[in-house]
Amino acid sequence: MMIALTGTPGTGKTLVAQELQKRGIPVTYASDTIDPYRLGNDPERDTDIIDEERWAEEFSPVEGIIEGHLTHLLPADRVIILRCRPDVLKERLTRRGYPEKKIKENVEAEILDVCLAEAFDIHGEEKLYEIDTTNADIPDCAEQIEAVIRGTAKPVVGIVDWLITYRDML
């Protein structure tokens, strides 16, 4: 079974994936699979340009977790979307040294539920599991994901609505 662990940059995907690895769960990082699909760099947005459609079409499913902010585009059996309150996300991305424009783009993506909406369009509600990482610690998030892996967690979406509270950040 392949489970996509996705979310806006800064929501905790990598830290949670590392915790899952420590617990013996196989993790593949999307960044290790994407090189053949790089089309170049967008210096204005400080990001790589990826042929996402071709990557998703040609991706060979893996056993366990596939981590990355584009993994919801893959043909996964389940999709876990990590979420983070926009003001906290902004702080996290600022600490990483992201340029202001990239921070704004990612905060807006979180407010507008971009990963969730794309995952919903591709997979439908019955495969989606949303986890709010804003105040959760990494082991707690890993426990929630292990419940998804075991099949004891029920799909859940719509646990957050940042738009009403954080629309002034758009």
N, C-alpha and C. Protein backbone atom coordinates (compact mmCIF):
# COMPACT_ATOMS: atom_id res chain seq x y z
N MET A 1 0.84 -1.17 0.00
CA MET A 1 0.00 0.00 0.00
C MET A 1 0.89 1.24 0.00
N MET A 2 0.56 2.19 -0.87
CA MET A 2 1.29 3.46 -0.94
C MET A 2 0.42 4.56 -0.35
N ILE A 3 1.00 5.29 0.61
CA ILE A 3 0.30 6.39 1.26
C ILE A 3 1.07 7.67 0.99
N ALA A 4 0.38 8.64 0.39
CA ALA A 4 0.99 9.94 0.11
C ALA A 4 0.90 10.79 1.37
N LEU A 5 2.04 11.38 1.74
CA LEU A 5 2.11 12.33 2.85
C LEU A 5 2.41 13.68 2.22
N THR A 6 1.41 14.54 2.19
CA THR A 6 1.51 15.79 1.45
C THR A 6 1.13 16.98 2.33
N GLY A 7 1.25 18.14 1.77
CA GLY A 7 0.90 19.37 2.47
C GLY A 7 1.78 20.51 2.00
N THR A 8 1.37 21.70 2.31
CA THR A 8 2.13 22.89 1.97
C THR A 8 3.52 22.80 2.61
N PRO A 9 4.57 23.32 1.95
CA PRO A 9 5.88 23.35 2.60
C PRO A 9 5.79 24.01 3.98
N GLY A 10 6.42 23.36 4.96
CA GLY A 10 6.44 23.89 6.31
C GLY A 10 5.42 23.28 7.25
N THR A 11 4.60 22.36 6.76
CA THR A 11 3.57 21.75 7.61
C THR A 11 4.10 20.59 8.45
N GLY A 12 5.32 20.13 8.16
CA GLY A 12 5.92 19.08 8.98
C GLY A 12 6.11 17.74 8.31
N LYS A 13 5.96 17.68 7.01
CA LYS A 13 6.04 16.40 6.30
C LYS A 13 7.35 15.66 6.54
N THR A 14 8.45 16.34 6.38
CA THR A 14 9.75 15.68 6.49
C THR A 14 10.01 15.21 7.92
N LEU A 15 9.73 16.04 8.90
CA LEU A 15 9.94 15.64 10.30
C LEU A 15 9.07 14.44 10.67
N VAL A 16 7.84 14.45 10.23
CA VAL A 16 6.95 13.32 10.52
C VAL A 16 7.44 12.07 9.78
N ALA A 17 7.85 12.23 8.54
CA ALA A 17 8.37 11.08 7.78
C ALA A 17 9.60 10.49 8.45
N GLN A 18 10.48 11.33 8.96
CA GLN A 18 11.67 10.84 9.65
C GLN A 18 11.28 10.06 10.92
N GLU A 19 10.27 10.54 11.63
CA GLU A 19 9.78 9.82 12.81
C GLU A 19 9.19 8.47 12.41
N LEU A 20 8.45 8.43 11.31
CA LEU A 20 7.88 7.17 10.84
C LEU A 20 8.99 6.18 10.46
N GLN A 21 10.05 6.68 9.83
CA GLN A 21 11.18 5.83 9.49
C GLN A 21 11.80 5.22 10.74
N LYS A 22 11.95 6.02 11.79
CA LYS A 22 12.50 5.52 13.05
C LYS A 22 11.64 4.39 13.61
N ARG A 23 10.36 4.43 13.29
CA ARG A 23 9.42 3.40 13.76
C ARG A 23 9.36 2.20 12.83
N GLY A 24 10.21 2.20 11.80
CA GLY A 24 10.30 1.06 10.89
C GLY A 24 9.37 1.11 9.70
N ILE A 25 8.75 2.24 9.46
CA ILE A 25 7.84 2.37 8.32
C ILE A 25 8.65 2.85 7.12
N PRO A 26 8.54 2.16 6.00
CA PRO A 26 9.30 2.59 4.82
C PRO A 26 8.83 3.95 4.31
N VAL A 27 9.79 4.82 4.04
CA VAL A 27 9.50 6.16 3.53
C VAL A 27 10.34 6.41 2.30
N THR A 28 9.69 6.89 1.25
CA THR A 28 10.37 7.36 0.05
C THR A 28 10.11 8.86 -0.05
N TYR A 29 11.16 9.61 -0.36
CA TYR A 29 11.02 11.06 -0.48
C TYR A 29 10.85 11.41 -1.95
N ALA A 30 9.78 12.14 -2.24
CA ALA A 30 9.50 12.52 -3.63
C ALA A 30 10.69 13.22 -4.25
N SER A 31 11.40 14.00 -3.46
CA SER A 31 12.57 14.73 -3.99
C SER A 31 13.62 13.80 -4.56
N ASP A 32 13.63 12.54 -4.12
CA ASP A 32 14.58 11.56 -4.65
C ASP A 32 14.10 10.92 -5.95
N THR A 33 12.87 11.19 -6.35
CA THR A 33 12.29 10.56 -7.54
C THR A 33 12.03 11.54 -8.68
N ILE A 34 12.25 12.80 -8.44
CA ILE A 34 11.73 13.83 -9.34
C ILE A 34 12.74 14.35 -10.37
N ASP A 35 14.03 14.05 -10.18
CA ASP A 35 15.06 14.62 -11.06
C ASP A 35 14.78 14.48 -12.56
N PRO A 36 14.37 13.31 -13.04
CA PRO A 36 14.13 13.19 -14.49
C PRO A 36 12.99 14.06 -15.01
N TYR A 37 12.23 14.64 -14.10
CA TYR A 37 11.06 15.42 -14.49
C TYR A 37 11.24 16.92 -14.27
N ARG A 38 12.46 17.31 -13.92
CA ARG A 38 12.77 18.73 -13.75
C ARG A 38 12.89 19.39 -15.12
N LEU A 39 12.18 20.48 -15.28
CA LEU A 39 12.20 21.21 -16.55
C LEU A 39 13.05 22.48 -16.46
N GLY A 40 13.46 22.83 -15.27
CA GLY A 40 14.25 24.04 -15.08
C GLY A 40 13.93 24.66 -13.74
N ASN A 41 14.32 25.91 -13.61
CA ASN A 41 14.14 26.64 -12.37
C ASN A 41 13.39 27.93 -12.64
N ASP A 42 12.52 28.29 -11.71
CA ASP A 42 11.83 29.57 -11.77
C ASP A 42 12.46 30.46 -10.71
N PRO A 43 13.43 31.28 -11.09
CA PRO A 43 14.13 32.10 -10.10
C PRO A 43 13.23 33.12 -9.42
N GLU A 44 12.21 33.57 -10.12
CA GLU A 44 11.30 34.56 -9.53
C GLU A 44 10.53 33.97 -8.36
N ARG A 45 10.16 32.70 -8.47
CA ARG A 45 9.43 32.02 -7.40
C ARG A 45 10.34 31.17 -6.53
N ASP A 46 11.64 31.11 -6.87
CA ASP A 46 12.62 30.34 -6.11
C ASP A 46 12.18 28.88 -5.97
N THR A 47 11.87 28.27 -7.14
CA THR A 47 11.38 26.90 -7.12
C THR A 47 11.76 26.19 -8.41
N ASP A 48 11.78 24.87 -8.36
CA ASP A 48 12.00 24.06 -9.56
C ASP A 48 10.69 23.95 -10.33
N ILE A 49 10.82 23.82 -11.63
CA ILE A 49 9.66 23.57 -12.49
C ILE A 49 9.67 22.07 -12.78
N ILE A 50 8.60 21.40 -12.46
CA ILE A 50 8.49 19.95 -12.58
C ILE A 50 7.38 19.60 -13.56
N ASP A 51 7.64 18.59 -14.40
CA ASP A 51 6.56 18.05 -15.24
C ASP A 51 5.75 17.12 -14.35
N GLU A 52 4.85 17.71 -13.56
CA GLU A 52 4.09 16.98 -12.56
C GLU A 52 3.23 15.88 -13.17
N GLU A 53 2.61 16.17 -14.29
CA GLU A 53 1.72 15.20 -14.93
C GLU A 53 2.49 13.95 -15.37
N ARG A 54 3.63 14.16 -16.02
CA ARG A 54 4.44 13.02 -16.47
C ARG A 54 4.99 12.25 -15.27
N TRP A 55 5.44 12.96 -14.23
CA TRP A 55 5.94 12.32 -13.02
C TRP A 55 4.87 11.41 -12.42
N ALA A 56 3.66 11.92 -12.28
CA ALA A 56 2.57 11.14 -11.70
C ALA A 56 2.21 9.94 -12.58
N GLU A 57 2.20 10.13 -13.88
CA GLU A 57 1.86 9.04 -14.81
C GLU A 57 2.89 7.92 -14.79
N GLU A 58 4.17 8.29 -14.68
CA GLU A 58 5.25 7.31 -14.77
C GLU A 58 5.72 6.79 -13.42
N PHE A 59 5.16 7.31 -12.35
CA PHE A 59 5.63 6.94 -11.01
C PHE A 59 5.34 5.47 -10.73
N SER A 60 6.35 4.75 -10.28
CA SER A 60 6.18 3.35 -9.87
C SER A 60 5.81 3.33 -8.39
N PRO A 61 4.65 2.82 -8.06
CA PRO A 61 4.22 2.83 -6.67
C PRO A 61 5.26 2.19 -5.74
N VAL A 62 5.33 2.74 -4.54
CA VAL A 62 6.24 2.23 -3.52
C VAL A 62 5.42 1.71 -2.35
N GLU A 63 6.02 0.87 -1.55
CA GLU A 63 5.37 0.37 -0.35
C GLU A 63 5.67 1.34 0.79
N GLY A 64 4.64 1.76 1.49
CA GLY A 64 4.83 2.66 2.62
C GLY A 64 4.44 4.08 2.29
N ILE A 65 5.21 5.02 2.83
CA ILE A 65 4.92 6.44 2.72
C ILE A 65 5.73 7.05 1.57
N ILE A 66 5.09 7.89 0.77
CA ILE A 66 5.79 8.74 -0.20
C ILE A 66 5.58 10.17 0.27
N GLU A 67 6.67 10.85 0.63
CA GLU A 67 6.59 12.17 1.26
C GLU A 67 6.96 13.26 0.27
N GLY A 68 6.16 14.32 0.25
CA GLY A 68 6.46 15.49 -0.56
C GLY A 68 5.21 16.30 -0.84
N HIS A 69 5.41 17.57 -1.14
CA HIS A 69 4.23 18.43 -1.30
C HIS A 69 3.47 18.21 -2.61
N LEU A 70 3.99 17.35 -3.48
CA LEU A 70 3.26 17.02 -4.71
C LEU A 70 2.73 15.59 -4.71
N THR A 71 2.94 14.84 -3.64
CA THR A 71 2.61 13.41 -3.66
C THR A 71 1.12 13.13 -3.75
N HIS A 72 0.29 14.12 -3.45
CA HIS A 72 -1.15 13.91 -3.60
C HIS A 72 -1.54 13.76 -5.07
N LEU A 73 -0.62 14.07 -5.97
CA LEU A 73 -0.87 13.91 -7.41
C LEU A 73 -0.67 12.46 -7.86
N LEU A 74 -0.06 11.65 -7.02
CA LEU A 74 0.27 10.27 -7.36
C LEU A 74 -0.92 9.34 -7.13
N PRO A 75 -0.90 8.16 -7.77
CA PRO A 75 -1.98 7.18 -7.59
C PRO A 75 -1.85 6.44 -6.26
N ALA A 76 -2.05 7.14 -5.15
CA ALA A 76 -1.88 6.57 -3.82
C ALA A 76 -3.15 5.86 -3.35
N ASP A 77 -2.96 4.92 -2.44
CA ASP A 77 -4.09 4.22 -1.84
C ASP A 77 -4.79 5.09 -0.79
N ARG A 78 -3.99 5.91 -0.09
CA ARG A 78 -4.51 6.86 0.88
C ARG A 78 -3.66 8.12 0.80
N VAL A 79 -4.24 9.25 1.19
CA VAL A 79 -3.53 10.53 1.12
C VAL A 79 -3.70 11.24 2.46
N ILE A 80 -2.57 11.56 3.08
CA ILE A 80 -2.57 12.29 4.33
C ILE A 80 -2.10 13.71 4.03
N ILE A 81 -2.94 14.69 4.36
CA ILE A 81 -2.62 16.09 4.10
C ILE A 81 -2.32 16.75 5.43
N LEU A 82 -1.07 17.19 5.62
CA LEU A 82 -0.72 17.91 6.83
C LEU A 82 -1.09 19.37 6.65
N ARG A 83 -1.67 19.96 7.68
CA ARG A 83 -2.13 21.35 7.65
C ARG A 83 -1.47 22.11 8.79
N CYS A 84 -1.36 23.41 8.63
CA CYS A 84 -0.77 24.25 9.67
C CYS A 84 -1.40 25.64 9.61
N ARG A 85 -1.73 26.17 10.76
CA ARG A 85 -2.32 27.50 10.83
C ARG A 85 -1.41 28.50 10.11
N PRO A 86 -1.94 29.33 9.24
CA PRO A 86 -1.13 30.21 8.39
C PRO A 86 -0.12 31.10 9.11
N ASP A 87 -0.47 31.65 10.26
CA ASP A 87 0.49 32.49 10.96
C ASP A 87 1.69 31.68 11.47
N VAL A 88 1.43 30.47 11.92
CA VAL A 88 2.50 29.57 12.36
C VAL A 88 3.33 29.12 11.16
N LEU A 89 2.66 28.81 10.06
CA LEU A 89 3.36 28.41 8.84
C LEU A 89 4.29 29.52 8.38
N LYS A 90 3.82 30.74 8.42
CA LYS A 90 4.65 31.89 8.02
C LYS A 90 5.90 31.96 8.89
N GLU A 91 5.76 31.76 10.20
CA GLU A 91 6.92 31.77 11.10
C GLU A 91 7.91 30.66 10.73
N ARG A 92 7.39 29.47 10.46
CA ARG A 92 8.25 28.33 10.11
C ARG A 92 9.04 28.61 8.83
N LEU A 93 8.36 29.13 7.83
CA LEU A 93 9.02 29.40 6.55
C LEU A 93 10.01 30.55 6.67
N THR A 94 9.71 31.52 7.50
CA THR A 94 10.63 32.63 7.75
C THR A 94 11.90 32.10 8.40
N ARG A 95 11.76 31.21 9.39
CA ARG A 95 12.93 30.61 10.05
C ARG A 95 13.79 29.81 9.07
N ARG A 96 13.17 29.25 8.04
CA ARG A 96 13.91 28.51 7.01
C ARG A 96 14.66 29.45 6.06
N GLY A 97 14.35 30.73 6.13
CA GLY A 97 15.01 31.69 5.26
C GLY A 97 14.37 31.83 3.89
N TYR A 98 13.11 31.42 3.77
CA TYR A 98 12.41 31.57 2.50
C TYR A 98 12.28 33.06 2.17
N PRO A 99 12.37 33.41 0.89
CA PRO A 99 12.11 34.81 0.50
C PRO A 99 10.64 35.16 0.77
N GLU A 100 10.39 36.43 1.01
CA GLU A 100 9.04 36.89 1.35
C GLU A 100 7.99 36.46 0.32
N LYS A 101 8.34 36.53 -0.95
CA LYS A 101 7.39 36.16 -2.02
C LYS A 101 7.02 34.68 -1.93
N LYS A 102 8.00 33.83 -1.64
CA LYS A 102 7.74 32.39 -1.53
C LYS A 102 6.93 32.09 -0.27
N ILE A 103 7.20 32.81 0.80
CA ILE A 103 6.41 32.64 2.02
C ILE A 103 4.95 32.98 1.74
N LYS A 104 4.73 34.12 1.10
CA LYS A 104 3.35 34.55 0.79
C LYS A 104 2.64 33.52 -0.09
N GLU A 105 3.33 33.02 -1.11
CA GLU A 105 2.73 32.02 -2.01
C GLU A 105 2.31 30.77 -1.23
N ASN A 106 3.18 30.29 -0.34
CA ASN A 106 2.87 29.08 0.41
C ASN A 106 1.79 29.31 1.47
N VAL A 107 1.81 30.45 2.12
CA VAL A 107 0.76 30.77 3.09
C VAL A 107 -0.59 30.87 2.38
N GLU A 108 -0.60 31.50 1.23
CA GLU A 108 -1.85 31.58 0.46
C GLU A 108 -2.33 30.20 0.04
N ALA A 109 -1.41 29.33 -0.36
CA ALA A 109 -1.79 27.97 -0.74
C ALA A 109 -2.42 27.23 0.44
N GLU A 110 -1.89 27.45 1.63
CA GLU A 110 -2.45 26.81 2.83
C GLU A 110 -3.84 27.37 3.15
N ILE A 111 -3.98 28.68 3.08
CA ILE A 111 -5.27 29.31 3.37
C ILE A 111 -6.34 28.81 2.40
N LEU A 112 -5.96 28.64 1.14
CA LEU A 112 -6.91 28.24 0.10
C LEU A 112 -7.05 26.72 -0.05
N ASP A 113 -6.42 25.96 0.83
CA ASP A 113 -6.56 24.49 0.83
C ASP A 113 -6.09 23.85 -0.49
N VAL A 114 -5.03 24.36 -1.09
CA VAL A 114 -4.63 23.89 -2.41
C VAL A 114 -4.34 22.39 -2.43
N CYS A 115 -3.51 21.89 -1.53
CA CYS A 115 -3.20 20.45 -1.53
C CYS A 115 -4.45 19.62 -1.29
N LEU A 116 -5.28 20.05 -0.34
CA LEU A 116 -6.51 19.32 -0.06
C LEU A 116 -7.44 19.32 -1.26
N ALA A 117 -7.62 20.46 -1.90
CA ALA A 117 -8.53 20.55 -3.04
C ALA A 117 -8.04 19.68 -4.20
N GLU A 118 -6.74 19.73 -4.48
CA GLU A 118 -6.19 18.90 -5.56
C GLU A 118 -6.34 17.42 -5.22
N ALA A 119 -6.04 17.05 -3.97
CA ALA A 119 -6.17 15.65 -3.56
C ALA A 119 -7.62 15.19 -3.67
N PHE A 120 -8.54 16.05 -3.27
CA PHE A 120 -9.97 15.71 -3.36
C PHE A 120 -10.38 15.47 -4.80
N ASP A 121 -9.92 16.33 -5.72
CA ASP A 121 -10.26 16.17 -7.13
C ASP A 121 -9.73 14.86 -7.71
N ILE A 122 -8.57 14.45 -7.27
CA ILE A 122 -7.92 13.24 -7.81
C ILE A 122 -8.43 11.97 -7.13
N HIS A 123 -8.55 12.00 -5.81
CA HIS A 123 -8.77 10.78 -5.04
C HIS A 123 -10.18 10.64 -4.44
N GLY A 124 -10.90 11.74 -4.33
CA GLY A 124 -12.19 11.68 -3.64
C GLY A 124 -12.00 11.68 -2.14
N GLU A 125 -13.05 11.99 -1.45
CA GLU A 125 -13.01 12.17 0.00
C GLU A 125 -12.65 10.89 0.76
N GLU A 126 -13.02 9.74 0.23
CA GLU A 126 -12.86 8.48 0.98
C GLU A 126 -11.41 8.03 1.18
N LYS A 127 -10.46 8.67 0.52
CA LYS A 127 -9.04 8.31 0.68
C LYS A 127 -8.25 9.37 1.44
N LEU A 128 -8.91 10.44 1.90
CA LEU A 128 -8.19 11.58 2.45
C LEU A 128 -8.25 11.64 3.97
N TYR A 129 -7.10 12.00 4.55
CA TYR A 129 -6.95 12.13 5.99
C TYR A 129 -6.21 13.44 6.26
N GLU A 130 -6.87 14.37 6.90
CA GLU A 130 -6.27 15.67 7.22
C GLU A 130 -5.76 15.64 8.66
N ILE A 131 -4.57 16.19 8.88
CA ILE A 131 -4.00 16.29 10.23
C ILE A 131 -3.50 17.72 10.42
N ASP A 132 -3.98 18.37 11.46
CA ASP A 132 -3.53 19.72 11.79
C ASP A 132 -2.28 19.61 12.66
N THR A 133 -1.15 20.06 12.12
CA THR A 133 0.13 19.96 12.83
C THR A 133 0.46 21.22 13.64
N THR A 134 -0.41 22.21 13.63
CA THR A 134 -0.11 23.50 14.25
C THR A 134 0.41 23.34 15.68
N ASN A 135 -0.29 22.60 16.51
CA ASN A 135 0.10 22.44 17.91
C ASN A 135 0.42 20.99 18.27
N ALA A 136 0.43 20.12 17.28
CA ALA A 136 0.70 18.71 17.54
C ALA A 136 2.21 18.46 17.53
N ASP A 137 2.65 17.54 18.36
CA ASP A 137 4.06 17.20 18.30
C ASP A 137 4.26 16.09 17.27
N ILE A 138 5.50 15.91 16.88
CA ILE A 138 5.82 14.95 15.81
C ILE A 138 5.39 13.52 16.17
N PRO A 139 5.69 13.02 17.38
CA PRO A 139 5.23 11.66 17.71
C PRO A 139 3.71 11.50 17.63
N ASP A 140 2.96 12.53 18.03
CA ASP A 140 1.49 12.46 17.94
C ASP A 140 1.05 12.36 16.48
N CYS A 141 1.66 13.16 15.62
CA CYS A 141 1.33 13.09 14.19
C CYS A 141 1.66 11.70 13.63
N ALA A 142 2.80 11.16 14.03
CA ALA A 142 3.19 9.83 13.57
C ALA A 142 2.19 8.77 14.04
N GLU A 143 1.71 8.91 15.28
CA GLU A 143 0.69 7.98 15.79
C GLU A 143 -0.58 8.03 14.93
N GLN A 144 -0.99 9.24 14.59
CA GLN A 144 -2.19 9.39 13.75
C GLN A 144 -1.97 8.74 12.39
N ILE A 145 -0.79 8.87 11.85
CA ILE A 145 -0.49 8.28 10.54
C ILE A 145 -0.42 6.76 10.64
N GLU A 146 0.13 6.27 11.74
CA GLU A 146 0.15 4.81 11.93
C GLU A 146 -1.27 4.25 11.98
N ALA A 147 -2.21 4.99 12.54
CA ALA A 147 -3.61 4.55 12.54
C ALA A 147 -4.16 4.49 11.12
N VAL A 148 -3.75 5.43 10.27
CA VAL A 148 -4.15 5.39 8.86
C VAL A 148 -3.56 4.14 8.19
N ILE A 149 -2.29 3.87 8.46
CA ILE A 149 -1.63 2.70 7.88
C ILE A 149 -2.33 1.41 8.32
N ARG A 150 -2.65 1.32 9.61
CA ARG A 150 -3.32 0.12 10.15
C ARG A 150 -4.75 -0.02 9.63
N GLY A 151 -5.32 1.08 9.14
CA GLY A 151 -6.71 1.05 8.69
C GLY A 151 -7.70 1.29 9.81
N THR A 152 -7.23 1.79 10.96
CA THR A 152 -8.13 2.03 12.09
C THR A 152 -8.62 3.47 12.14
N ALA A 153 -8.06 4.34 11.30
CA ALA A 153 -8.51 5.73 11.24
C ALA A 153 -9.53 5.87 10.12
N LYS A 154 -10.53 6.68 10.35
CA LYS A 154 -11.52 6.95 9.32
C LYS A 154 -11.07 8.18 8.52
N PRO A 155 -11.34 8.17 7.21
CA PRO A 155 -11.01 9.36 6.41
C PRO A 155 -11.68 10.61 7.01
N VAL A 156 -10.94 11.72 6.98
CA VAL A 156 -11.48 12.97 7.53
C VAL A 156 -10.92 14.15 6.75
N VAL A 157 -11.83 15.01 6.32
CA VAL A 157 -11.45 16.26 5.66
C VAL A 157 -12.31 17.38 6.23
N GLY A 158 -11.83 18.60 6.05
CA GLY A 158 -12.59 19.74 6.52
C GLY A 158 -12.37 20.05 7.99
N ILE A 159 -11.24 19.63 8.54
CA ILE A 159 -11.00 19.87 9.97
C ILE A 159 -10.55 21.30 10.24
N VAL A 160 -10.09 21.98 9.20
CA VAL A 160 -9.67 23.37 9.36
C VAL A 160 -10.32 24.23 8.27
N ASP A 161 -10.53 25.48 8.60
CA ASP A 161 -10.98 26.46 7.62
C ASP A 161 -10.25 27.75 7.94
N TRP A 162 -9.11 27.93 7.27
CA TRP A 162 -8.27 29.09 7.54
C TRP A 162 -8.81 30.35 6.86
N LEU A 163 -9.62 30.21 5.86
CA LEU A 163 -10.01 31.34 5.01
C LEU A 163 -10.70 32.46 5.79
N ILE A 164 -11.62 32.12 6.66
CA ILE A 164 -12.36 33.15 7.38
C ILE A 164 -11.43 33.96 8.29
N THR A 165 -10.60 33.26 9.03
CA THR A 165 -9.74 33.93 10.01
C THR A 165 -8.54 34.62 9.38
N TYR A 166 -7.99 34.03 8.31
CA TYR A 166 -6.71 34.50 7.78
C TYR A 166 -6.81 35.13 6.39
N ARG A 167 -8.00 35.51 5.96
CA ARG A 167 -8.16 36.10 4.61
C ARG A 167 -7.34 37.38 4.44
N ASP A 168 -7.04 38.07 5.54
CA ASP A 168 -6.24 39.29 5.43
C ASP A 168 -4.79 39.00 5.06
N MET A 169 -4.37 37.73 5.13
CA MET A 169 -3.02 37.35 4.73
C MET A 169 -2.93 37.11 3.21
N LEU A 170 -4.08 37.09 2.54
CA LEU A 170 -4.08 36.85 1.09
C LEU A 170 -3.65 38.09 0.33
